[in-house]
Amino acid sequence: MRMVDLIEKKRDGGELSAEEIQFIIKGYTDGSIPDYQMSALSMAIYFKDMTHQERADLTMAMVQSGDQIDLSPIKGIKVDKHSTGGVGDTTTLVLGPLVASLGVPVAKMSGRGLGHTGGTIDKLESVAGFHVEIENQEFIDLVNKNQIAVIGQSGNLTPADKKLYALRDVTATVDSIPLIASSIMSKKIAAGADAIVLDVKTGAGAFMKTLEDSRFLASAMVSIGNNTGRKTMAVISDMSQPLGFAIGNALEVKEAIDTLKGEGPEDLTELCLTLGSHMVLLAEKADSLEEAREKLIQTMKNGSGLQTFKTFLESQGGDSSVVDQPEKLPQAQFKIEVEAQEDGYVSEMTADEIGTAAMLLGAGRATKESEIDLAVGLMLNKKIGDRVQKGDSLVTIHSNFEDVSQVKSLLLEHIKVTKNPVQKPVLIYEEITG
């Protein structure tokens, strides 16, 4: 088997076999296939696409290129949730305890964020003492005991994907649907999930800006999951504006606590109930989505989701008293209001630019070496469709430096107010079950 023949085959629109894909990924991982040949194949895939079977075979080849997490000692159906990213996306902090309180095992492997705000681990580390440096056996024991634990990404998971992603980044092949979908799904499958719920964002703050592109990606990932033996579904949700009100690590933990109490923002609550219902259904803890949703609402009302969150924090060294005393979370030194310049209705809140404003405060990392300030961020006081009067606060800036003129200018530039009433954006566009 020669790589040049396989490049030619894909260039001409042929379908690669599972054995050919295994040969490619193994050779690229061990270095016997050079970057320039993999670049040529990536570009051929970009233009010629891949069949459903090729995508599944590529995903599994990348899974098998490194370690795989064995979650079989954990009782029950392990359901993972993955979001394609966004601004103010606090869903994992709410969903984990919520579905765990219904007996769904949540064995979460998470990373740190690079971008607008921290990742799930950064957010949880806003709670004093909380840590994810636990051994695999303790991780499994905690999930069996509490139904939930979070561990940091470790080991040698999907080394082929890491190597291929770096190559795609410099060869203009990042936005290839089969390569994106196999990259995401290889990590989820290697992490040991039995079933996967995907939250695919669409809009200005999302990787996929249009509904059509988001639909293509969601369908591709659902197909890969189901073709590799993992029950998989996707929700396409809006990211034209930030989700919820909080953007920033400690601020998002506080918002997650409010949401677990049933007192959170309407959009965040609705998305968590939608995603959570599918997780509960896939875990076979309910017979219908309606029953699953009702059970989740009850966990908010009776406090069991909140108690599970407390237990989860305590079990990983965190100070669970922050649940009842959120003022113990890191607090910024300055709170500065961004006021509306005119009367009208909020018509636009460009999610990615608002995320950049939070990053300028120190809420996220511009580079891997950047230090995150867990206390800082933004609290939105208005959302698209809300009526405002001149002088009303649009956003509260939480900062540890007083001069926030650059942040304020960026926010005013990207939060638009118009005279005429504006309809609130759709939150959930589609659900794709394959």
Protein backbone atom coordinates (compact mmCIF):
# COMPACT_ATOMS: atom_id res chain seq x y z
CA MET A 1 0.00 0.00 0.00
CA ARG A 2 1.37 3.41 -0.98
CA MET A 3 0.21 6.77 0.34
CA VAL A 4 0.49 8.40 -3.11
CA ASP A 5 -2.03 5.90 -4.50
CA LEU A 6 -4.47 6.65 -1.67
CA ILE A 7 -4.13 10.41 -2.23
CA GLU A 8 -4.86 9.85 -5.91
CA LYS A 9 -7.87 7.66 -5.08
CA LYS A 10 -9.43 10.32 -2.85
CA ARG A 11 -8.49 13.11 -5.27
CA ASP A 12 -10.52 11.33 -7.94
CA GLY A 13 -13.53 10.88 -5.62
CA GLY A 14 -12.93 7.26 -4.61
CA GLU A 15 -13.92 5.75 -1.25
CA LEU A 16 -11.12 4.71 1.09
CA SER A 17 -11.52 1.36 2.85
CA ALA A 18 -11.19 0.88 6.62
CA GLU A 19 -7.80 -0.83 6.07
CA GLU A 20 -6.54 2.06 3.93
CA ILE A 21 -7.63 4.63 6.51
CA GLN A 22 -5.95 2.61 9.30
CA PHE A 23 -2.73 2.53 7.21
CA ILE A 24 -2.88 6.32 6.74
CA ILE A 25 -3.52 7.21 10.39
CA LYS A 26 -1.00 4.70 11.75
CA GLY A 27 1.67 5.91 9.32
CA TYR A 28 1.01 9.57 10.00
CA THR A 29 1.09 9.03 13.77
CA ASP A 30 4.38 7.09 13.73
CA GLY A 31 5.98 9.50 11.22
CA SER A 32 6.36 7.13 8.27
CA ILE A 33 3.87 9.24 6.29
CA PRO A 34 5.19 12.82 6.02
CA ASP A 35 3.27 16.07 6.56
CA TYR A 36 3.27 16.96 2.86
CA GLN A 37 1.44 13.78 1.90
CA MET A 38 -1.09 14.16 4.74
CA SER A 39 -1.61 17.77 3.65
CA ALA A 40 -2.42 16.58 0.14
CA LEU A 41 -4.89 14.01 1.45
CA SER A 42 -6.55 16.58 3.76
CA MET A 43 -7.06 18.93 0.81
CA ALA A 44 -8.47 16.05 -1.28
CA ILE A 45 -10.91 15.28 1.57
CA TYR A 46 -11.78 18.99 1.79
CA PHE A 47 -12.84 19.03 -1.88
CA LYS A 48 -14.18 15.47 -2.33
CA ASP A 49 -15.73 14.88 1.13
CA MET A 50 -16.06 11.40 2.71
CA THR A 51 -18.86 8.87 2.90
CA HIS A 52 -20.56 8.09 6.22
CA GLN A 53 -18.54 4.88 6.45
CA GLU A 54 -15.24 6.65 5.72
CA ARG A 55 -15.99 9.22 8.45
CA ALA A 56 -16.71 6.46 10.97
CA ASP A 57 -13.56 4.55 9.96
CA LEU A 58 -11.43 7.71 10.21
CA THR A 59 -12.83 8.45 13.67
CA MET A 60 -12.11 4.94 14.97
CA ALA A 61 -8.61 4.96 13.46
CA MET A 62 -7.88 8.14 15.43
CA VAL A 63 -9.42 6.63 18.58
CA GLN A 64 -7.17 3.59 18.21
CA SER A 65 -4.06 5.74 17.66
CA GLY A 66 -3.71 6.25 21.43
CA ASP A 67 -5.11 5.42 24.86
CA GLN A 68 -8.79 4.73 25.45
CA ILE A 69 -10.54 5.27 28.77
CA ASP A 70 -12.28 2.15 30.07
CA LEU A 71 -15.43 3.21 31.94
CA SER A 72 -16.91 -0.31 32.07
CA PRO A 73 -16.46 -0.53 35.88
CA ILE A 74 -18.98 2.33 36.18
CA LYS A 75 -22.52 1.02 36.55
CA GLY A 76 -25.14 2.20 34.07
CA ILE A 77 -25.13 3.91 30.68
CA LYS A 78 -22.49 6.64 30.64
CA VAL A 79 -23.83 9.66 28.71
CA ASP A 80 -21.44 12.43 27.71
CA LYS A 81 -22.40 15.89 26.49
CA HIS A 82 -20.30 17.98 24.13
CA SER A 83 -20.77 21.59 23.10
CA THR A 84 -19.08 23.04 20.04
CA GLY A 85 -18.34 26.14 22.12
CA GLY A 86 -19.70 29.61 22.56
CA VAL A 87 -19.92 32.53 24.96
CA GLY A 88 -21.36 32.13 28.45
CA ASP A 89 -21.92 28.41 27.88
CA THR A 90 -22.47 27.22 31.45
CA THR A 91 -24.49 24.13 30.54
CA THR A 92 -22.02 21.48 31.78
CA LEU A 93 -22.00 22.96 35.31
CA VAL A 94 -25.78 22.67 35.43
CA LEU A 95 -26.35 19.49 33.43
CA GLY A 96 -23.81 17.35 35.27
CA PRO A 97 -25.41 17.57 38.74
CA LEU A 98 -28.93 17.74 37.34
CA VAL A 99 -28.84 14.46 35.42
CA ALA A 100 -26.56 12.77 38.00
CA SER A 101 -29.25 13.37 40.62
CA LEU A 102 -31.52 11.13 38.48
CA GLY A 103 -28.98 8.31 38.47
CA VAL A 104 -27.31 9.08 35.12
CA PRO A 105 -23.54 8.48 35.52
CA VAL A 106 -21.58 11.56 34.41
CA ALA A 107 -17.90 10.64 34.01
CA LYS A 108 -16.61 13.89 32.56
CA MET A 109 -13.17 14.48 31.10
CA SER A 110 -12.69 18.21 30.58
CA GLY A 111 -10.01 20.65 29.57
CA ARG A 112 -9.02 24.23 30.16
CA GLY A 113 -10.30 26.92 27.87
CA LEU A 114 -8.45 28.90 25.23
CA GLY A 115 -10.51 31.90 24.19
CA HIS A 116 -13.26 34.01 25.70
CA THR A 117 -13.48 32.37 29.14
CA GLY A 118 -12.03 29.35 30.86
CA GLY A 119 -13.06 25.77 30.23
CA THR A 120 -15.16 23.70 32.62
CA ILE A 121 -12.14 22.99 34.84
CA ASP A 122 -11.20 26.68 35.10
CA LYS A 123 -14.77 27.52 36.09
CA LEU A 124 -14.88 24.81 38.75
CA GLU A 125 -11.52 25.97 40.13
CA SER A 126 -13.28 29.22 41.08
CA VAL A 127 -14.41 27.11 44.05
CA ALA A 128 -11.60 27.11 46.63
CA GLY A 129 -9.87 23.73 46.93
CA PHE A 130 -11.58 22.06 43.97
CA HIS A 131 -9.20 19.92 41.93
CA VAL A 132 -9.31 17.43 39.07
CA GLU A 133 -5.96 15.76 39.72
CA ILE A 134 -7.36 12.39 40.74
CA GLU A 135 -6.30 8.87 39.81
CA ASN A 136 -8.45 6.86 37.39
CA GLN A 137 -9.61 4.44 40.09
CA GLU A 138 -10.73 7.29 42.37
CA PHE A 139 -12.51 8.87 39.39
CA ILE A 140 -14.43 5.63 38.74
CA ASP A 141 -15.20 5.18 42.46
CA LEU A 142 -16.57 8.74 42.71
CA VAL A 143 -18.86 8.27 39.73
CA ASN A 144 -20.16 4.98 41.15
CA LYS A 145 -20.75 6.66 44.52
CA ASN A 146 -22.04 10.13 43.52
CA GLN A 147 -22.92 9.57 39.82
CA ILE A 148 -20.61 12.44 38.88
CA ALA A 149 -16.90 13.34 38.78
CA VAL A 150 -14.66 15.47 36.55
CA ILE A 151 -11.10 14.62 35.65
CA GLY A 152 -8.56 16.57 33.61
CA GLN A 153 -7.52 15.41 30.16
CA SER A 154 -4.52 13.16 30.56
CA GLY A 155 -2.67 10.30 28.95
CA ASN A 156 -2.23 9.85 25.25
CA LEU A 157 -5.76 10.22 23.90
CA THR A 158 -6.13 10.54 20.10
CA PRO A 159 -2.53 11.58 19.27
CA ALA A 160 -3.39 11.28 15.56
CA ASP A 161 -6.07 13.95 15.98
CA LYS A 162 -3.69 16.35 17.76
CA LYS A 163 -1.14 15.94 14.98
CA LEU A 164 -3.70 16.22 12.19
CA TYR A 165 -5.39 19.27 13.72
CA ALA A 166 -2.09 21.14 13.88
CA LEU A 167 -1.55 20.32 10.20
CA ARG A 168 -5.06 21.40 9.19
CA ASP A 169 -4.54 24.68 11.00
CA VAL A 170 -1.71 25.66 8.63
CA THR A 171 -3.09 24.13 5.41
CA ALA A 172 -6.51 25.84 5.21
CA THR A 173 -8.39 22.58 5.85
CA VAL A 174 -9.76 23.29 9.35
CA ASP A 175 -13.33 23.85 8.14
CA SER A 176 -13.82 20.47 6.46
CA ILE A 177 -16.96 18.79 7.84
CA PRO A 178 -15.60 15.18 7.84
CA LEU A 179 -12.33 16.32 9.47
CA ILE A 180 -14.08 18.47 12.10
CA ALA A 181 -16.64 15.79 12.90
CA SER A 182 -14.10 12.95 13.21
CA SER A 183 -11.84 15.16 15.35
CA ILE A 184 -14.60 15.92 17.88
CA MET A 185 -16.08 12.43 17.93
CA SER A 186 -12.72 10.65 18.26
CA LYS A 187 -12.12 12.45 21.57
CA LYS A 188 -15.61 11.68 22.87
CA ILE A 189 -15.37 7.99 21.95
CA ALA A 190 -11.83 7.62 23.35
CA ALA A 191 -13.12 9.09 26.63
CA GLY A 192 -15.36 6.04 27.05
CA ALA A 193 -18.93 7.29 26.65
CA ASP A 194 -21.74 4.87 25.82
CA ALA A 195 -24.00 7.63 24.49
CA ILE A 196 -23.37 11.22 23.43
CA VAL A 197 -25.55 14.34 23.36
CA LEU A 198 -24.14 17.10 21.15
CA ASP A 199 -24.93 20.80 21.52
CA VAL A 200 -24.01 22.29 18.13
CA LYS A 201 -23.99 26.08 18.23
CA THR A 202 -24.93 28.37 15.36
CA GLY A 203 -24.56 32.13 14.98
CA ALA A 204 -21.98 34.88 15.48
CA GLY A 205 -20.41 33.33 18.60
CA ALA A 206 -20.22 29.82 17.17
CA PHE A 207 -17.61 27.99 15.11
CA MET A 208 -20.34 27.39 12.52
CA LYS A 209 -21.92 30.76 11.71
CA THR A 210 -24.86 29.57 9.58
CA LEU A 211 -27.68 27.16 10.33
CA GLU A 212 -26.89 25.19 7.18
CA ASP A 213 -23.25 24.61 8.20
CA SER A 214 -24.30 23.74 11.76
CA ARG A 215 -26.79 21.22 10.40
CA PHE A 216 -24.13 19.58 8.22
CA LEU A 217 -21.76 19.28 11.20
CA ALA A 218 -24.43 17.99 13.58
CA SER A 219 -25.62 15.36 11.09
CA ALA A 220 -22.04 14.25 10.42
CA MET A 221 -21.27 13.77 14.12
CA VAL A 222 -24.55 11.97 14.84
CA SER A 223 -23.88 9.63 11.92
CA ILE A 224 -20.34 8.88 13.17
CA GLY A 225 -21.57 8.19 16.69
CA ASN A 226 -24.34 5.86 15.62
CA ASN A 227 -22.08 4.10 13.08
CA THR A 228 -19.49 3.40 15.80
CA GLY A 229 -21.95 1.93 18.30
CA ARG A 230 -22.63 5.02 20.44
CA LYS A 231 -26.20 6.26 20.72
CA THR A 232 -25.82 9.85 19.56
CA MET A 233 -28.09 12.84 18.97
CA ALA A 234 -27.58 16.58 18.47
CA VAL A 235 -29.37 19.80 19.35
CA ILE A 236 -28.66 22.88 17.22
CA SER A 237 -28.86 25.91 19.50
CA ASP A 238 -28.43 29.64 19.07
CA MET A 239 -25.18 31.48 19.75
CA SER A 240 -26.00 34.78 18.00
CA GLN A 241 -25.91 36.26 21.52
CA PRO A 242 -24.27 34.91 24.70
CA LEU A 243 -26.13 32.18 26.57
CA GLY A 244 -27.47 33.28 29.95
CA PHE A 245 -26.26 36.48 31.60
CA ALA A 246 -22.83 35.57 33.02
CA ILE A 247 -19.55 35.53 31.05
CA GLY A 248 -16.60 34.71 33.29
CA ASN A 249 -15.54 31.87 35.52
CA ALA A 250 -16.79 32.63 39.07
CA LEU A 251 -19.74 34.54 37.61
CA GLU A 252 -20.77 31.45 35.63
CA VAL A 253 -20.50 29.22 38.70
CA LYS A 254 -22.89 31.57 40.51
CA GLU A 255 -25.25 31.45 37.54
CA ALA A 256 -25.07 27.64 37.49
CA ILE A 257 -26.05 27.56 41.19
CA ASP A 258 -29.01 29.87 40.47
CA THR A 259 -30.09 27.66 37.56
CA LEU A 260 -29.93 24.49 39.67
CA LYS A 261 -32.28 26.28 42.08
CA GLY A 262 -34.68 26.98 39.22
CA GLU A 263 -33.81 30.69 39.35
CA GLY A 264 -31.47 30.94 36.36
CA PRO A 265 -31.82 32.76 33.04
CA GLU A 266 -34.66 31.54 30.85
CA ASP A 267 -32.48 30.57 27.88
CA LEU A 268 -29.85 28.69 29.91
CA THR A 269 -32.57 26.85 31.85
CA GLU A 270 -34.42 25.84 28.68
CA LEU A 271 -31.28 24.59 26.93
CA CYS A 272 -30.26 22.55 30.00
CA LEU A 273 -33.73 20.99 30.20
CA THR A 274 -33.62 20.11 26.49
CA LEU A 275 -30.11 18.61 26.55
CA GLY A 276 -30.70 16.98 29.92
CA SER A 277 -33.93 15.33 28.75
CA HIS A 278 -32.04 13.63 25.93
CA MET A 279 -29.28 12.53 28.33
CA VAL A 280 -31.81 11.01 30.73
CA LEU A 281 -33.63 9.27 27.86
CA LEU A 282 -30.41 7.83 26.39
CA ALA A 283 -29.45 6.59 29.87
CA GLU A 284 -32.82 4.79 30.02
CA LYS A 285 -33.90 6.66 33.15
CA ALA A 286 -37.17 7.77 31.51
CA ASP A 287 -39.51 6.35 28.88
CA SER A 288 -40.06 9.62 27.01
CA LEU A 289 -38.57 13.09 26.63
CA GLU A 290 -41.63 14.53 28.39
CA GLU A 291 -41.10 12.28 31.41
CA ALA A 292 -37.37 13.07 31.46
CA ARG A 293 -38.05 16.81 31.36
CA GLU A 294 -40.57 16.60 34.19
CA LYS A 295 -38.06 14.66 36.31
CA LEU A 296 -35.40 17.34 35.69
CA ILE A 297 -37.80 20.11 36.67
CA GLN A 298 -38.54 18.24 39.90
CA THR A 299 -34.81 18.02 40.73
CA MET A 300 -34.69 21.82 40.52
CA LYS A 301 -37.77 22.19 42.68
CA ASN A 302 -36.81 19.67 45.38
CA GLY A 303 -33.14 20.67 45.56
CA SER A 304 -31.68 17.26 44.68
CA GLY A 305 -29.68 18.69 41.75
CA LEU A 306 -28.23 21.37 44.01
CA GLN A 307 -27.35 18.79 46.68
CA THR A 308 -25.62 16.64 44.05
CA PHE A 309 -23.56 19.70 43.05
CA LYS A 310 -22.54 20.23 46.70
CA THR A 311 -21.53 16.58 47.09
CA PHE A 312 -19.59 16.71 43.81
CA LEU A 313 -17.63 19.80 44.94
CA GLU A 314 -16.87 18.30 48.36
CA SER A 315 -15.73 14.97 46.89
CA GLN A 316 -13.09 16.76 44.81
CA GLY A 317 -11.83 19.00 47.61
CA GLY A 318 -14.01 22.03 46.91
CA ASP A 319 -15.61 24.34 49.46
CA SER A 320 -19.28 23.47 48.97
CA SER A 321 -20.42 26.32 51.22
CA VAL A 322 -20.23 28.56 48.11
CA VAL A 323 -23.54 27.01 47.04
CA ASP A 324 -25.31 28.75 49.95
CA GLN A 325 -22.82 31.63 50.19
CA PRO A 326 -21.83 32.52 46.61
CA GLU A 327 -20.12 35.67 47.89
CA LYS A 328 -17.27 33.32 48.86
CA LEU A 329 -16.48 32.92 45.16
CA PRO A 330 -13.70 35.20 43.82
CA GLN A 331 -14.95 38.79 43.60
CA ALA A 332 -13.69 41.51 41.25
CA GLN A 333 -12.48 44.80 42.72
CA PHE A 334 -14.49 47.07 40.41
CA LYS A 335 -18.03 46.94 39.03
CA ILE A 336 -18.64 49.35 36.16
CA GLU A 337 -21.91 49.83 34.29
CA VAL A 338 -22.17 50.11 30.51
CA GLU A 339 -25.18 52.33 29.89
CA ALA A 340 -27.53 52.50 26.91
CA GLN A 341 -26.91 55.60 24.81
CA GLU A 342 -30.52 55.86 23.57
CA ASP A 343 -34.05 54.57 24.07
CA GLY A 344 -35.18 51.57 22.06
CA TYR A 345 -34.84 47.80 21.82
CA VAL A 346 -31.70 45.66 21.90
CA SER A 347 -31.39 44.35 18.34
CA GLU A 348 -27.93 42.78 18.31
CA MET A 349 -25.39 41.40 20.82
CA THR A 350 -22.51 40.01 18.77
CA ALA A 351 -21.55 37.00 20.87
CA ASP A 352 -17.92 36.55 19.79
CA GLU A 353 -17.08 40.26 20.25
CA ILE A 354 -18.70 40.30 23.70
CA GLY A 355 -16.61 37.21 24.48
CA THR A 356 -13.49 39.10 23.36
CA ALA A 357 -14.41 41.92 25.77
CA ALA A 358 -14.49 39.37 28.62
CA MET A 359 -11.11 38.01 27.54
CA LEU A 360 -9.61 41.53 27.62
CA LEU A 361 -10.58 41.67 31.30
CA GLY A 362 -8.65 38.44 31.92
CA ALA A 363 -11.60 36.01 31.96
CA GLY A 364 -10.05 33.90 29.19
CA ARG A 365 -6.72 33.00 27.62
CA ALA A 366 -5.40 34.71 24.50
CA THR A 367 -2.54 32.15 24.49
CA LYS A 368 -1.92 28.87 26.32
CA GLU A 369 0.46 30.70 28.66
CA SER A 370 -2.06 33.40 29.67
CA GLU A 371 -3.14 33.58 33.31
CA ILE A 372 -6.89 33.58 33.94
CA ASP A 373 -8.46 35.91 36.50
CA LEU A 374 -11.31 33.82 37.90
CA ALA A 375 -13.15 36.82 39.40
CA VAL A 376 -13.61 39.00 36.32
CA GLY A 377 -16.10 39.00 33.49
CA LEU A 378 -19.38 40.46 32.33
CA MET A 379 -22.97 40.30 33.56
CA LEU A 380 -25.51 41.07 30.86
CA ASN A 381 -28.48 43.06 32.10
CA LYS A 382 -30.33 43.04 28.77
CA LYS A 383 -30.72 40.54 25.93
CA ILE A 384 -31.93 40.81 22.31
CA GLY A 385 -35.56 41.97 22.20
CA ASP A 386 -35.48 43.74 25.58
CA ARG A 387 -36.68 47.36 25.81
CA VAL A 388 -34.15 49.86 27.16
CA GLN A 389 -34.14 53.52 28.11
CA LYS A 390 -31.15 55.83 27.79
CA GLY A 391 -29.00 55.37 30.91
CA ASP A 392 -30.16 51.79 31.61
CA SER A 393 -27.31 49.39 32.32
CA LEU A 394 -26.74 47.02 29.40
CA VAL A 395 -23.80 45.21 31.00
CA THR A 396 -22.00 45.23 34.34
CA ILE A 397 -18.24 44.90 33.93
CA HIS A 398 -16.50 43.00 36.75
CA SER A 399 -12.85 44.04 36.59
CA ASN A 400 -9.68 44.09 38.68
CA PHE A 401 -8.44 47.22 36.93
CA GLU A 402 -10.24 50.55 36.88
CA ASP A 403 -9.64 51.73 33.31
CA VAL A 404 -12.00 49.61 31.21
CA SER A 405 -12.48 52.13 28.42
CA GLN A 406 -11.36 49.65 25.73
CA VAL A 407 -13.78 47.00 27.00
CA LYS A 408 -16.61 49.50 27.28
CA SER A 409 -16.06 50.77 23.71
CA LEU A 410 -16.03 47.23 22.35
CA LEU A 411 -19.30 46.42 24.12
CA LEU A 412 -21.07 49.59 22.95
CA GLU A 413 -19.91 48.92 19.39
CA HIS A 414 -21.38 45.41 19.38
CA ILE A 415 -24.57 45.86 21.40
CA LYS A 416 -26.96 47.60 19.02
CA VAL A 417 -30.17 49.41 20.00
CA THR A 418 -32.88 50.24 17.45
CA LYS A 419 -36.11 52.24 17.68
CA ASN A 420 -38.47 49.47 16.57
CA PRO A 421 -39.38 46.35 18.58
CA VAL A 422 -37.19 43.28 17.89
CA GLN A 423 -38.17 39.63 18.15
CA LYS A 424 -36.16 37.47 20.54
CA PRO A 425 -33.99 34.93 18.67
CA VAL A 426 -34.95 31.27 18.44
CA LEU A 427 -33.02 29.28 21.07
CA ILE A 428 -33.29 25.73 19.68
CA TYR A 429 -33.47 25.28 15.92
CA GLU A 430 -33.43 21.53 15.45
CA GLU A 431 -32.90 18.18 17.11
CA ILE A 432 -31.10 15.54 15.02
CA THR A 433 -31.36 11.93 16.12
CA GLY A 434 -30.14 10.19 12.99
